[in-house]
All heavy atoms as atom14 arrays in JSON, in Angstrom:
{
  "sequence": "VHSDASVIDGEDRLLAPSFFALQGWDPRAVQLNRLLVQNNVTGC",
  "atom14_mask": [
    [1, 1, 1, 1, 1, 1, 1, 0, 0, 0, 0, 0, 0, 0],
    [1, 1, 1, 1, 1, 1, 1, 1, 1, 1, 0, 0, 0, 0],
    [1, 1, 1, 1, 1, 1, 0, 0, 0, 0, 0, 0, 0, 0],
    [1, 1, 1, 1, 1, 1, 1, 1, 0, 0, 0, 0, 0, 0],
    [1, 1, 1, 1, 1, 0, 0, 0, 0, 0, 0, 0, 0, 0],
    [1, 1, 1, 1, 1, 1, 0, 0, 0, 0, 0, 0, 0, 0],
    [1, 1, 1, 1, 1, 1, 1, 0, 0, 0, 0, 0, 0, 0],
    [1, 1, 1, 1, 1, 1, 1, 1, 0, 0, 0, 0, 0, 0],
    [1, 1, 1, 1, 1, 1, 1, 1, 0, 0, 0, 0, 0, 0],
    [1, 1, 1, 1, 0, 0, 0, 0, 0, 0, 0, 0, 0, 0],
    [1, 1, 1, 1, 1, 1, 1, 1, 1, 0, 0, 0, 0, 0],
    [1, 1, 1, 1, 1, 1, 1, 1, 0, 0, 0, 0, 0, 0],
    [1, 1, 1, 1, 1, 1, 1, 1, 1, 1, 1, 0, 0, 0],
    [1, 1, 1, 1, 1, 1, 1, 1, 0, 0, 0, 0, 0, 0],
    [1, 1, 1, 1, 1, 1, 1, 1, 0, 0, 0, 0, 0, 0],
    [1, 1, 1, 1, 1, 0, 0, 0, 0, 0, 0, 0, 0, 0],
    [1, 1, 1, 1, 1, 1, 1, 0, 0, 0, 0, 0, 0, 0],
    [1, 1, 1, 1, 1, 1, 0, 0, 0, 0, 0, 0, 0, 0],
    [1, 1, 1, 1, 1, 1, 1, 1, 1, 1, 1, 0, 0, 0],
    [1, 1, 1, 1, 1, 1, 1, 1, 1, 1, 1, 0, 0, 0],
    [1, 1, 1, 1, 1, 0, 0, 0, 0, 0, 0, 0, 0, 0],
    [1, 1, 1, 1, 1, 1, 1, 1, 0, 0, 0, 0, 0, 0],
    [1, 1, 1, 1, 1, 1, 1, 1, 1, 0, 0, 0, 0, 0],
    [1, 1, 1, 1, 0, 0, 0, 0, 0, 0, 0, 0, 0, 0],
    [1, 1, 1, 1, 1, 1, 1, 1, 1, 1, 1, 1, 1, 1],
    [1, 1, 1, 1, 1, 1, 1, 1, 0, 0, 0, 0, 0, 0],
    [1, 1, 1, 1, 1, 1, 1, 0, 0, 0, 0, 0, 0, 0],
    [1, 1, 1, 1, 1, 1, 1, 1, 1, 1, 1, 0, 0, 0],
    [1, 1, 1, 1, 1, 0, 0, 0, 0, 0, 0, 0, 0, 0],
    [1, 1, 1, 1, 1, 1, 1, 0, 0, 0, 0, 0, 0, 0],
    [1, 1, 1, 1, 1, 1, 1, 1, 1, 0, 0, 0, 0, 0],
    [1, 1, 1, 1, 1, 1, 1, 1, 0, 0, 0, 0, 0, 0],
    [1, 1, 1, 1, 1, 1, 1, 1, 0, 0, 0, 0, 0, 0],
    [1, 1, 1, 1, 1, 1, 1, 1, 1, 1, 1, 0, 0, 0],
    [1, 1, 1, 1, 1, 1, 1, 1, 0, 0, 0, 0, 0, 0],
    [1, 1, 1, 1, 1, 1, 1, 1, 0, 0, 0, 0, 0, 0],
    [1, 1, 1, 1, 1, 1, 1, 0, 0, 0, 0, 0, 0, 0],
    [1, 1, 1, 1, 1, 1, 1, 1, 1, 0, 0, 0, 0, 0],
    [1, 1, 1, 1, 1, 1, 1, 1, 0, 0, 0, 0, 0, 0],
    [1, 1, 1, 1, 1, 1, 1, 1, 0, 0, 0, 0, 0, 0],
    [1, 1, 1, 1, 1, 1, 1, 0, 0, 0, 0, 0, 0, 0],
    [1, 1, 1, 1, 1, 1, 1, 0, 0, 0, 0, 0, 0, 0],
    [1, 1, 1, 1, 0, 0, 0, 0, 0, 0, 0, 0, 0, 0],
    [1, 1, 1, 1, 1, 1, 0, 0, 0, 0, 0, 0, 0, 0]
  ],
  "atom14_positions": [
    [[-46.95, -47.24, 18.36], [-47.74, -46.13, 17.82], [-49.14, -46.65, 17.57], [-49.33, -47.71, 16.97], [-47.14, -45.61, 16.49], [-48.0, -44.48, 15.93], [-45.7, -45.13, 16.69], [0.0, 0.0, 0.0], [0.0, 0.0, 0.0], [0.0, 0.0, 0.0], [0.0, 0.0, 0.0], [0.0, 0.0, 0.0], [0.0, 0.0, 0.0], [0.0, 0.0, 0.0]],
    [[-50.15, -45.91, 18.04], [-51.53, -46.3, 17.75], [-52.36, -45.06, 17.49], [-51.91, -43.93, 17.7], [-52.12, -47.15, 18.87], [-52.33, -46.45, 20.17], [-53.5, -46.49, 20.88], [-51.5, -45.67, 20.92], [-53.4, -45.8, 21.99], [-52.2, -45.3, 22.04], [0.0, 0.0, 0.0], [0.0, 0.0, 0.0], [0.0, 0.0, 0.0], [0.0, 0.0, 0.0]],
    [[-53.59, -45.27, 17.02], [-54.4, -44.14, 16.57], [-55.84, -44.29, 17.03], [-56.25, -45.31, 17.56], [-54.36, -44.04, 15.04], [-55.15, -45.07, 14.48], [0.0, 0.0, 0.0], [0.0, 0.0, 0.0], [0.0, 0.0, 0.0], [0.0, 0.0, 0.0], [0.0, 0.0, 0.0], [0.0, 0.0, 0.0], [0.0, 0.0, 0.0], [0.0, 0.0, 0.0]],
    [[-56.6, -43.24, 16.76], [-58.04, -43.28, 16.94], [-58.66, -43.99, 15.74], [-57.97, -44.3, 14.75], [-58.58, -41.86, 17.09], [-59.95, -41.81, 17.77], [-60.55, -42.88, 18.02], [-60.42, -40.69, 18.05], [0.0, 0.0, 0.0], [0.0, 0.0, 0.0], [0.0, 0.0, 0.0], [0.0, 0.0, 0.0], [0.0, 0.0, 0.0], [0.0, 0.0, 0.0]],
    [[-59.96, -44.23, 15.82], [-60.7, -44.84, 14.72], [-62.12, -44.27, 14.72], [-62.61, -43.81, 15.75], [-60.76, -46.35, 14.88], [0.0, 0.0, 0.0], [0.0, 0.0, 0.0], [0.0, 0.0, 0.0], [0.0, 0.0, 0.0], [0.0, 0.0, 0.0], [0.0, 0.0, 0.0], [0.0, 0.0, 0.0], [0.0, 0.0, 0.0], [0.0, 0.0, 0.0]],
    [[-62.74, -44.31, 13.59], [-64.19, -44.12, 13.56], [-64.82, -45.5, 13.75], [-64.16, -46.52, 13.6], [-64.64, -43.49, 12.24], [-64.24, -44.29, 11.14], [0.0, 0.0, 0.0], [0.0, 0.0, 0.0], [0.0, 0.0, 0.0], [0.0, 0.0, 0.0], [0.0, 0.0, 0.0], [0.0, 0.0, 0.0], [0.0, 0.0, 0.0], [0.0, 0.0, 0.0]],
    [[-66.11, -45.52, 14.07], [-66.78, -46.79, 14.32], [-67.94, -46.93, 13.33], [-68.75, -46.01, 13.18], [-67.31, -46.87, 15.77], [-67.96, -48.23, 16.03], [-66.18, -46.64, 16.77], [0.0, 0.0, 0.0], [0.0, 0.0, 0.0], [0.0, 0.0, 0.0], [0.0, 0.0, 0.0], [0.0, 0.0, 0.0], [0.0, 0.0, 0.0], [0.0, 0.0, 0.0]],
    [[-67.98, -48.06, 12.63], [-69.04, -48.31, 11.65], [-69.76, -49.62, 11.99], [-69.24, -50.45, 12.75], [-68.49, -48.39, 10.21], [-67.46, -49.52, 10.07], [-67.89, -47.05, 9.79], [-66.97, -49.75, 8.65], [0.0, 0.0, 0.0], [0.0, 0.0, 0.0], [0.0, 0.0, 0.0], [0.0, 0.0, 0.0], [0.0, 0.0, 0.0], [0.0, 0.0, 0.0]],
    [[-70.94, -49.79, 11.43], [-71.67, -51.04, 11.66], [-71.47, -51.99, 10.48], [-70.65, -51.73, 9.58], [-73.16, -50.75, 11.92], [-73.9, -50.22, 10.69], [-73.32, -50.19, 9.58], [-75.07, -49.83, 10.84], [0.0, 0.0, 0.0], [0.0, 0.0, 0.0], [0.0, 0.0, 0.0], [0.0, 0.0, 0.0], [0.0, 0.0, 0.0], [0.0, 0.0, 0.0]],
    [[-72.2, -53.08, 10.5], [-72.04, -54.09, 9.46], [-72.43, -53.64, 8.08], [-72.06, -54.27, 7.08], [0.0, 0.0, 0.0], [0.0, 0.0, 0.0], [0.0, 0.0, 0.0], [0.0, 0.0, 0.0], [0.0, 0.0, 0.0], [0.0, 0.0, 0.0], [0.0, 0.0, 0.0], [0.0, 0.0, 0.0], [0.0, 0.0, 0.0], [0.0, 0.0, 0.0]],
    [[-73.16, -52.53, 7.99], [-73.57, -52.0, 6.69], [-72.8, -50.74, 6.31], [-73.24, -49.97, 5.47], [-75.07, -51.69, 6.72], [-75.94, -52.88, 7.14], [-75.75, -54.09, 6.25], [-75.58, -53.89, 5.04], [-75.76, -55.22, 6.78], [0.0, 0.0, 0.0], [0.0, 0.0, 0.0], [0.0, 0.0, 0.0], [0.0, 0.0, 0.0], [0.0, 0.0, 0.0]],
    [[-71.67, -50.5, 6.97], [-70.79, -49.35, 6.7], [-71.36, -48.02, 7.17], [-70.86, -46.96, 6.8], [-70.43, -49.23, 5.22], [-69.57, -50.39, 4.73], [-68.83, -50.94, 5.56], [-69.65, -50.74, 3.55], [0.0, 0.0, 0.0], [0.0, 0.0, 0.0], [0.0, 0.0, 0.0], [0.0, 0.0, 0.0], [0.0, 0.0, 0.0], [0.0, 0.0, 0.0]],
    [[-72.4, -48.04, 7.99], [-72.96, -46.8, 8.52], [-72.14, -46.32, 9.7], [-71.73, -47.13, 10.55], [-74.42, -47.0, 8.95], [-75.38, -47.25, 7.8], [-76.8, -47.41, 8.31], [-76.93, -48.62, 9.1], [-77.66, -49.69, 8.73], [-78.3, -49.68, 7.58], [-77.74, -50.74, 9.52], [0.0, 0.0, 0.0], [0.0, 0.0, 0.0], [0.0, 0.0, 0.0]],
    [[-71.91, -45.0, 9.76], [-71.11, -44.43, 10.83], [-71.87, -44.48, 12.15], [-72.99, -43.98, 12.26], [-70.74, -42.98, 10.5], [-69.85, -42.26, 11.52], [-68.44, -42.87, 11.54], [-69.77, -40.77, 11.19], [0.0, 0.0, 0.0], [0.0, 0.0, 0.0], [0.0, 0.0, 0.0], [0.0, 0.0, 0.0], [0.0, 0.0, 0.0], [0.0, 0.0, 0.0]],
    [[-71.25, -45.07, 13.17], [-71.83, -45.11, 14.51], [-71.23, -44.05, 15.42], [-71.92, -43.5, 16.28], [-71.61, -46.49, 15.14], [-72.25, -47.69, 14.43], [-71.84, -48.98, 15.12], [-73.76, -47.55, 14.41], [0.0, 0.0, 0.0], [0.0, 0.0, 0.0], [0.0, 0.0, 0.0], [0.0, 0.0, 0.0], [0.0, 0.0, 0.0], [0.0, 0.0, 0.0]],
    [[-69.94, -43.77, 15.23], [-69.26, -42.77, 16.06], [-68.02, -42.28, 15.32], [-67.29, -43.08, 14.74], [-68.86, -43.36, 17.42], [0.0, 0.0, 0.0], [0.0, 0.0, 0.0], [0.0, 0.0, 0.0], [0.0, 0.0, 0.0], [0.0, 0.0, 0.0], [0.0, 0.0, 0.0], [0.0, 0.0, 0.0], [0.0, 0.0, 0.0], [0.0, 0.0, 0.0]],
    [[-67.75, -40.96, 15.34], [-66.58, -40.44, 14.63], [-65.28, -40.71, 15.37], [-64.21, -40.63, 14.77], [-66.86, -38.94, 14.55], [-67.75, -38.66, 15.73], [-68.59, -39.88, 15.89], [0.0, 0.0, 0.0], [0.0, 0.0, 0.0], [0.0, 0.0, 0.0], [0.0, 0.0, 0.0], [0.0, 0.0, 0.0], [0.0, 0.0, 0.0], [0.0, 0.0, 0.0]],
    [[-65.36, -41.02, 16.68], [-64.15, -41.27, 17.46], [-64.36, -42.45, 18.39], [-65.21, -42.41, 19.3], [-63.77, -40.03, 18.28], [-62.76, -40.35, 19.24], [0.0, 0.0, 0.0], [0.0, 0.0, 0.0], [0.0, 0.0, 0.0], [0.0, 0.0, 0.0], [0.0, 0.0, 0.0], [0.0, 0.0, 0.0], [0.0, 0.0, 0.0], [0.0, 0.0, 0.0]],
    [[-63.6, -43.49, 18.2], [-63.63, -44.66, 19.07], [-63.18, -44.28, 20.48], [-63.77, -44.73, 21.48], [-62.72, -45.74, 18.47], [-62.66, -47.02, 19.25], [-63.79, -47.59, 19.79], [-61.44, -47.68, 19.4], [-63.72, -48.8, 20.49], [-61.36, -48.87, 20.08], [-62.51, -49.44, 20.64], [0.0, 0.0, 0.0], [0.0, 0.0, 0.0], [0.0, 0.0, 0.0]],
    [[-62.15, -43.45, 20.58], [-61.65, -43.04, 21.9], [-62.72, -42.28, 22.68], [-62.94, -42.52, 23.86], [-60.38, -42.21, 21.76], [-59.13, -42.99, 21.99], [-58.75, -43.98, 21.09], [-58.33, -42.76, 23.09], [-57.6, -44.73, 21.3], [-57.17, -43.5, 23.32], [-56.81, -44.49, 22.42], [0.0, 0.0, 0.0], [0.0, 0.0, 0.0], [0.0, 0.0, 0.0]],
    [[-63.4, -41.35, 22.01], [-64.46, -40.6, 22.69], [-65.6, -41.52, 23.09], [-66.17, -41.38, 24.19], [-64.95, -39.48, 21.79], [0.0, 0.0, 0.0], [0.0, 0.0, 0.0], [0.0, 0.0, 0.0], [0.0, 0.0, 0.0], [0.0, 0.0, 0.0], [0.0, 0.0, 0.0], [0.0, 0.0, 0.0], [0.0, 0.0, 0.0], [0.0, 0.0, 0.0]],
    [[-65.95, -42.45, 22.23], [-67.03, -43.4, 22.53], [-66.71, -44.23, 23.76], [-67.57, -44.47, 24.61], [-67.26, -44.31, 21.32], [-68.36, -45.36, 21.45], [-69.72, -44.69, 21.56], [-68.32, -46.33, 20.27], [0.0, 0.0, 0.0], [0.0, 0.0, 0.0], [0.0, 0.0, 0.0], [0.0, 0.0, 0.0], [0.0, 0.0, 0.0], [0.0, 0.0, 0.0]],
    [[-65.45, -44.66, 23.87], [-65.04, -45.49, 25.0], [-64.74, -44.67, 26.26], [-64.61, -45.24, 27.34], [-63.79, -46.31, 24.63], [-64.0, -47.29, 23.48], [-65.03, -48.35, 23.83], [-66.2, -48.22, 23.51], [-64.6, -49.4, 24.49], [0.0, 0.0, 0.0], [0.0, 0.0, 0.0], [0.0, 0.0, 0.0], [0.0, 0.0, 0.0], [0.0, 0.0, 0.0]],
    [[-64.6, -43.36, 26.11], [-64.22, -42.54, 27.25], [-62.76, -42.69, 27.62], [-62.38, -42.51, 28.79], [0.0, 0.0, 0.0], [0.0, 0.0, 0.0], [0.0, 0.0, 0.0], [0.0, 0.0, 0.0], [0.0, 0.0, 0.0], [0.0, 0.0, 0.0], [0.0, 0.0, 0.0], [0.0, 0.0, 0.0], [0.0, 0.0, 0.0], [0.0, 0.0, 0.0]],
    [[-61.92, -43.01, 26.65], [-60.5, -43.21, 26.9], [-59.73, -41.89, 26.85], [-60.1, -40.97, 26.12], [-59.91, -44.17, 25.88], [-60.33, -45.59, 26.06], [-60.89, -46.15, 27.17], [-60.23, -46.63, 25.09], [-61.13, -47.48, 26.96], [-60.74, -47.81, 25.7], [-59.75, -46.69, 23.79], [-60.78, -49.02, 25.02], [-59.8, -47.9, 23.12], [-60.3, -49.05, 23.73]],
    [[-58.65, -41.85, 27.58], [-57.78, -40.68, 27.63], [-56.51, -41.0, 26.82], [-55.72, -41.84, 27.24], [-57.42, -40.36, 29.08], [-56.55, -39.12, 29.22], [-56.16, -38.53, 28.19], [-56.24, -38.74, 30.37], [0.0, 0.0, 0.0], [0.0, 0.0, 0.0], [0.0, 0.0, 0.0], [0.0, 0.0, 0.0], [0.0, 0.0, 0.0], [0.0, 0.0, 0.0]],
    [[-56.3, -40.36, 25.68], [-55.1, -40.65, 24.88], [-53.8, -40.29, 25.59], [-52.73, -40.74, 25.19], [-55.3, -39.8, 23.62], [-56.24, -38.73, 24.0], [-57.16, -39.34, 25.04], [0.0, 0.0, 0.0], [0.0, 0.0, 0.0], [0.0, 0.0, 0.0], [0.0, 0.0, 0.0], [0.0, 0.0, 0.0], [0.0, 0.0, 0.0], [0.0, 0.0, 0.0]],
    [[-53.91, -39.49, 26.65], [-52.7, -39.14, 27.42], [-52.31, -40.24, 28.4], [-51.24, -40.18, 29.0], [-52.94, -37.85, 28.19], [-53.23, -36.63, 27.31], [-53.76, -35.48, 28.12], [-55.05, -35.84, 28.76], [-55.74, -35.05, 29.55], [-55.29, -33.82, 29.82], [-56.89, -35.44, 30.08], [0.0, 0.0, 0.0], [0.0, 0.0, 0.0], [0.0, 0.0, 0.0]],
    [[-53.15, -41.25, 28.54], [-52.85, -42.36, 29.45], [-51.92, -43.34, 28.76], [-52.35, -44.34, 28.17], [-54.14, -43.04, 29.88], [0.0, 0.0, 0.0], [0.0, 0.0, 0.0], [0.0, 0.0, 0.0], [0.0, 0.0, 0.0], [0.0, 0.0, 0.0], [0.0, 0.0, 0.0], [0.0, 0.0, 0.0], [0.0, 0.0, 0.0], [0.0, 0.0, 0.0]],
    [[-50.63, -43.04, 28.79], [-49.63, -43.88, 28.15], [-48.64, -44.46, 29.16], [-47.74, -45.21, 28.79], [-48.85, -43.07, 27.07], [-49.78, -42.61, 25.96], [-48.12, -41.88, 27.69], [0.0, 0.0, 0.0], [0.0, 0.0, 0.0], [0.0, 0.0, 0.0], [0.0, 0.0, 0.0], [0.0, 0.0, 0.0], [0.0, 0.0, 0.0], [0.0, 0.0, 0.0]],
    [[-48.82, -44.11, 30.43], [-47.91, -44.58, 31.46], [-48.35, -45.96, 31.97], [-49.52, -46.31, 31.94], [-47.86, -43.59, 32.64], [-47.55, -42.17, 32.26], [-48.79, -41.37, 31.9], [-49.9, -41.91, 31.85], [-48.6, -40.1, 31.65], [0.0, 0.0, 0.0], [0.0, 0.0, 0.0], [0.0, 0.0, 0.0], [0.0, 0.0, 0.0], [0.0, 0.0, 0.0]],
    [[-47.39, -46.7, 32.48], [-47.65, -48.06, 32.94], [-48.71, -48.1, 34.03], [-49.6, -48.97, 34.0], [-46.35, -48.7, 33.44], [-46.45, -50.13, 33.98], [-46.96, -51.08, 32.9], [-45.1, -50.6, 34.51], [0.0, 0.0, 0.0], [0.0, 0.0, 0.0], [0.0, 0.0, 0.0], [0.0, 0.0, 0.0], [0.0, 0.0, 0.0], [0.0, 0.0, 0.0]],
    [[-48.66, -47.2, 35.0], [-49.62, -47.26, 36.1], [-51.06, -47.05, 35.61], [-52.0, -47.65, 36.13], [-49.27, -46.25, 37.19], [-49.17, -44.81, 36.7], [-49.15, -44.55, 35.49], [-49.09, -43.88, 37.61], [0.0, 0.0, 0.0], [0.0, 0.0, 0.0], [0.0, 0.0, 0.0], [0.0, 0.0, 0.0], [0.0, 0.0, 0.0], [0.0, 0.0, 0.0]],
    [[-51.24, -46.23, 34.57], [-52.59, -46.03, 34.01], [-53.05, -47.24, 33.21], [-54.23, -47.63, 33.27], [-52.61, -44.78, 33.11], [-52.19, -43.48, 33.75], [-53.19, -42.96, 34.77], [-54.53, -42.82, 34.25], [-54.96, -41.78, 33.52], [-54.11, -40.78, 33.22], [-56.21, -41.7, 33.12], [0.0, 0.0, 0.0], [0.0, 0.0, 0.0], [0.0, 0.0, 0.0]],
    [[-52.14, -47.84, 32.46], [-52.52, -48.95, 31.58], [-52.71, -50.26, 32.34], [-53.39, -51.16, 31.84], [-51.47, -49.12, 30.49], [-51.38, -47.95, 29.5], [-50.19, -48.11, 28.58], [-52.66, -47.8, 28.7], [0.0, 0.0, 0.0], [0.0, 0.0, 0.0], [0.0, 0.0, 0.0], [0.0, 0.0, 0.0], [0.0, 0.0, 0.0], [0.0, 0.0, 0.0]],
    [[-52.14, -50.37, 33.52], [-52.36, -51.58, 34.33], [-53.84, -51.76, 34.65], [-54.34, -52.89, 34.72], [-51.57, -51.51, 35.63], [-50.07, -51.76, 35.56], [-49.43, -51.46, 36.91], [-49.76, -53.2, 35.14], [0.0, 0.0, 0.0], [0.0, 0.0, 0.0], [0.0, 0.0, 0.0], [0.0, 0.0, 0.0], [0.0, 0.0, 0.0], [0.0, 0.0, 0.0]],
    [[-54.56, -50.66, 34.83], [-55.96, -50.75, 35.27], [-56.96, -50.57, 34.14], [-58.12, -50.91, 34.29], [-56.25, -49.74, 36.41], [-55.43, -50.1, 37.64], [-55.96, -48.31, 35.98], [0.0, 0.0, 0.0], [0.0, 0.0, 0.0], [0.0, 0.0, 0.0], [0.0, 0.0, 0.0], [0.0, 0.0, 0.0], [0.0, 0.0, 0.0], [0.0, 0.0, 0.0]],
    [[-56.51, -50.03, 33.01], [-57.42, -49.89, 31.87], [-56.61, -49.71, 30.59], [-55.92, -48.71, 30.42], [-58.38, -48.71, 32.05], [-59.45, -48.65, 30.97], [-60.44, -47.52, 31.19], [-60.19, -46.59, 31.94], [-61.57, -47.59, 30.51], [0.0, 0.0, 0.0], [0.0, 0.0, 0.0], [0.0, 0.0, 0.0], [0.0, 0.0, 0.0], [0.0, 0.0, 0.0]],
    [[-56.74, -50.67, 29.7], [-56.03, -50.59, 28.42], [-56.77, -49.68, 27.45], [-57.99, -49.67, 27.38], [-55.93, -51.99, 27.81], [-55.16, -51.99, 26.5], [-54.17, -51.29, 26.36], [-55.62, -52.79, 25.56], [0.0, 0.0, 0.0], [0.0, 0.0, 0.0], [0.0, 0.0, 0.0], [0.0, 0.0, 0.0], [0.0, 0.0, 0.0], [0.0, 0.0, 0.0]],
    [[-56.02, -48.89, 26.69], [-56.64, -48.09, 25.62], [-55.96, -48.32, 24.27], [-56.15, -47.54, 23.33], [-56.63, -46.59, 25.97], [-55.23, -46.01, 26.09], [-54.25, -46.62, 25.67], [-55.12, -44.82, 26.67], [0.0, 0.0, 0.0], [0.0, 0.0, 0.0], [0.0, 0.0, 0.0], [0.0, 0.0, 0.0], [0.0, 0.0, 0.0], [0.0, 0.0, 0.0]],
    [[-55.18, -49.38, 24.18], [-54.51, -49.75, 22.93], [-55.27, -50.91, 22.3], [-55.42, -51.97, 22.92], [-53.04, -50.14, 23.18], [-52.4, -50.68, 21.9], [-52.24, -48.94, 23.7], [0.0, 0.0, 0.0], [0.0, 0.0, 0.0], [0.0, 0.0, 0.0], [0.0, 0.0, 0.0], [0.0, 0.0, 0.0], [0.0, 0.0, 0.0], [0.0, 0.0, 0.0]],
    [[-55.73, -50.7, 21.09], [-56.5, -51.73, 20.36], [-55.61, -52.33, 19.28], [-55.0, -51.61, 18.49], [-57.75, -51.1, 19.74], [-58.52, -50.48, 20.78], [-58.6, -52.14, 19.04], [0.0, 0.0, 0.0], [0.0, 0.0, 0.0], [0.0, 0.0, 0.0], [0.0, 0.0, 0.0], [0.0, 0.0, 0.0], [0.0, 0.0, 0.0], [0.0, 0.0, 0.0]],
    [[-55.56, -53.66, 19.24], [-54.62, -54.34, 18.36], [-54.68, -53.9, 16.92], [-53.64, -53.69, 16.28], [0.0, 0.0, 0.0], [0.0, 0.0, 0.0], [0.0, 0.0, 0.0], [0.0, 0.0, 0.0], [0.0, 0.0, 0.0], [0.0, 0.0, 0.0], [0.0, 0.0, 0.0], [0.0, 0.0, 0.0], [0.0, 0.0, 0.0], [0.0, 0.0, 0.0]],
    [[-55.89, -53.75, 16.37], [-56.02, -53.42, 14.95], [-55.67, -51.97, 14.65], [-55.73, -51.55, 13.49], [-57.43, -53.71, 14.47], [-58.72, -52.73, 15.28], [0.0, 0.0, 0.0], [0.0, 0.0, 0.0], [0.0, 0.0, 0.0], [0.0, 0.0, 0.0], [0.0, 0.0, 0.0], [0.0, 0.0, 0.0], [0.0, 0.0, 0.0], [0.0, 0.0, 0.0]]
  ]
}
């Protein structure tokens, strides 16, 4: 199970409300063939 995130800088200022949107990732890409060529799961 993983989630989206907001993105902040070193001073806690908001850089982007959605990490997925910023990266251009597709949350529907959960199949092996899609993830082989581009990961969208972030460890944290």
